[in-house]
Amino acid sequence: MDHEPNPSSQHLFDELALHGYRPFEDESDPRPLPSSDAATLALDSAAKALCDLFPDTRLEADLPDLLWSFVNLFHSKADRVTRDLDDNETARRRSQAE
């Protein structure tokens, strides 16, 4: 049975082809980063959604820990990126010295 993509789903396939690419670890990622404004708005909305979810529930006391965990995700990623950059700089200096 021959299946042709539904024309209405063609846009989805185009987006997957364009942005579904996952580079190997040693390749740069050609996908754009979100704009600063879009990221700020989305993160503010996510934090507000978490804050609005737990008041007057038995989980309200856990909200500070949950919010810290949310922020810690980004701190951890920033630390990993910094370590990778430091490792890259060390490798570059070692290569130049050789």
Protein backbone atom coordinates (compact mmCIF):
# COMPACT_ATOMS: atom_id res chain seq x y z
CA MET A 1 0.00 0.00 0.00
CA ASP A 2 1.49 3.33 -1.08
CA HIS A 3 1.07 6.17 1.45
CA GLU A 4 1.35 9.79 0.42
CA PRO A 5 1.63 12.44 3.14
CA ASN A 6 -1.54 14.33 3.83
CA PRO A 7 -1.11 17.84 2.35
CA SER A 8 -2.18 19.37 5.65
CA SER A 9 0.62 17.52 7.44
CA GLN A 10 3.28 18.53 4.91
CA HIS A 11 4.10 21.59 7.00
CA LEU A 12 4.83 19.31 9.97
CA PHE A 13 7.18 17.19 7.88
CA ASP A 14 8.94 20.32 6.61
CA GLU A 15 9.42 21.55 10.19
CA LEU A 16 10.74 18.17 11.30
CA ALA A 17 13.17 18.11 8.40
CA LEU A 18 14.36 21.62 9.21
CA HIS A 19 14.43 21.55 13.02
CA GLY A 20 14.32 17.84 13.89
CA TYR A 21 17.99 17.48 13.03
CA ARG A 22 20.14 16.46 15.98
CA PRO A 23 23.84 17.05 15.36
CA PHE A 24 26.52 14.74 16.63
CA GLU A 25 28.35 15.82 19.78
CA ASP A 26 31.28 17.28 17.84
CA GLU A 27 29.08 19.24 15.41
CA SER A 28 27.56 22.67 15.94
CA ASP A 29 23.79 22.90 16.08
CA PRO A 30 22.43 25.03 13.21
CA ARG A 31 19.02 25.55 14.82
CA PRO A 32 18.32 29.07 16.09
CA LEU A 33 18.06 29.88 19.77
CA PRO A 34 14.79 31.36 20.99
CA SER A 35 14.70 35.14 21.15
CA SER A 36 15.41 36.68 24.53
CA ASP A 37 11.90 38.14 24.70
CA ALA A 38 10.23 34.83 23.83
CA ALA A 39 12.35 32.95 26.37
CA THR A 40 11.65 35.49 29.11
CA LEU A 41 7.91 35.37 28.44
CA ALA A 42 7.81 31.57 28.37
CA LEU A 43 9.86 31.16 31.54
CA ASP A 44 7.79 33.77 33.36
CA SER A 45 4.64 31.94 32.28
CA ALA A 46 6.03 28.58 33.43
CA ALA A 47 7.02 29.95 36.85
CA LYS A 48 3.63 31.65 37.24
CA ALA A 49 1.86 28.42 36.28
CA LEU A 50 3.79 26.55 38.97
CA CYS A 51 3.01 29.25 41.53
CA ASP A 52 -0.69 29.19 40.60
CA LEU A 53 -0.91 25.41 40.75
CA PHE A 54 -0.07 24.73 44.40
CA PRO A 55 -1.65 27.37 46.67
CA ASP A 56 -4.27 25.96 49.01
CA THR A 57 -3.17 22.39 48.29
CA ARG A 58 -1.18 19.93 50.34
CA LEU A 59 1.79 20.62 48.04
CA GLU A 60 1.94 24.35 48.80
CA ALA A 61 4.81 23.85 51.27
CA ASP A 62 6.85 22.18 48.50
CA LEU A 63 6.59 25.16 46.14
CA PRO A 64 9.90 26.81 47.11
CA ASP A 65 11.78 23.55 46.53
CA LEU A 66 9.98 23.00 43.23
CA LEU A 67 10.79 26.51 42.02
CA TRP A 68 14.43 26.12 43.04
CA SER A 69 14.59 22.83 41.12
CA PHE A 70 13.19 24.60 38.06
CA VAL A 71 15.86 27.31 38.29
CA ASN A 72 18.55 24.74 39.06
CA LEU A 73 17.92 23.08 35.67
CA PHE A 74 19.22 26.21 33.98
CA HIS A 75 22.09 26.66 36.44
CA SER A 76 23.21 23.08 35.79
CA LYS A 77 23.09 23.56 32.03
CA ALA A 78 25.07 26.80 32.31
CA ASP A 79 27.68 24.99 34.43
CA ARG A 80 27.95 22.19 31.83
CA VAL A 81 28.39 24.70 29.02
CA THR A 82 31.06 26.54 31.01
CA ARG A 83 32.93 23.28 31.69
CA ASP A 84 32.74 22.34 28.01
CA LEU A 85 34.13 25.74 27.02
CA ASP A 86 36.91 25.42 29.58
CA ASP A 87 37.75 21.92 28.32
CA ASN A 88 37.80 23.22 24.76
CA GLU A 89 40.14 26.07 25.72
CA THR A 90 42.46 23.66 27.53
CA ALA A 91 42.53 21.33 24.52
CA ARG A 92 43.22 24.27 22.19
CA ARG A 93 46.16 25.44 24.33
CA ARG A 94 47.54 21.91 24.55
CA SER A 95 47.27 21.55 20.78
CA GLN A 96 49.06 24.87 20.21
CA ALA A 97 51.82 23.87 22.62
CA GLU A 98 52.38 20.62 20.75
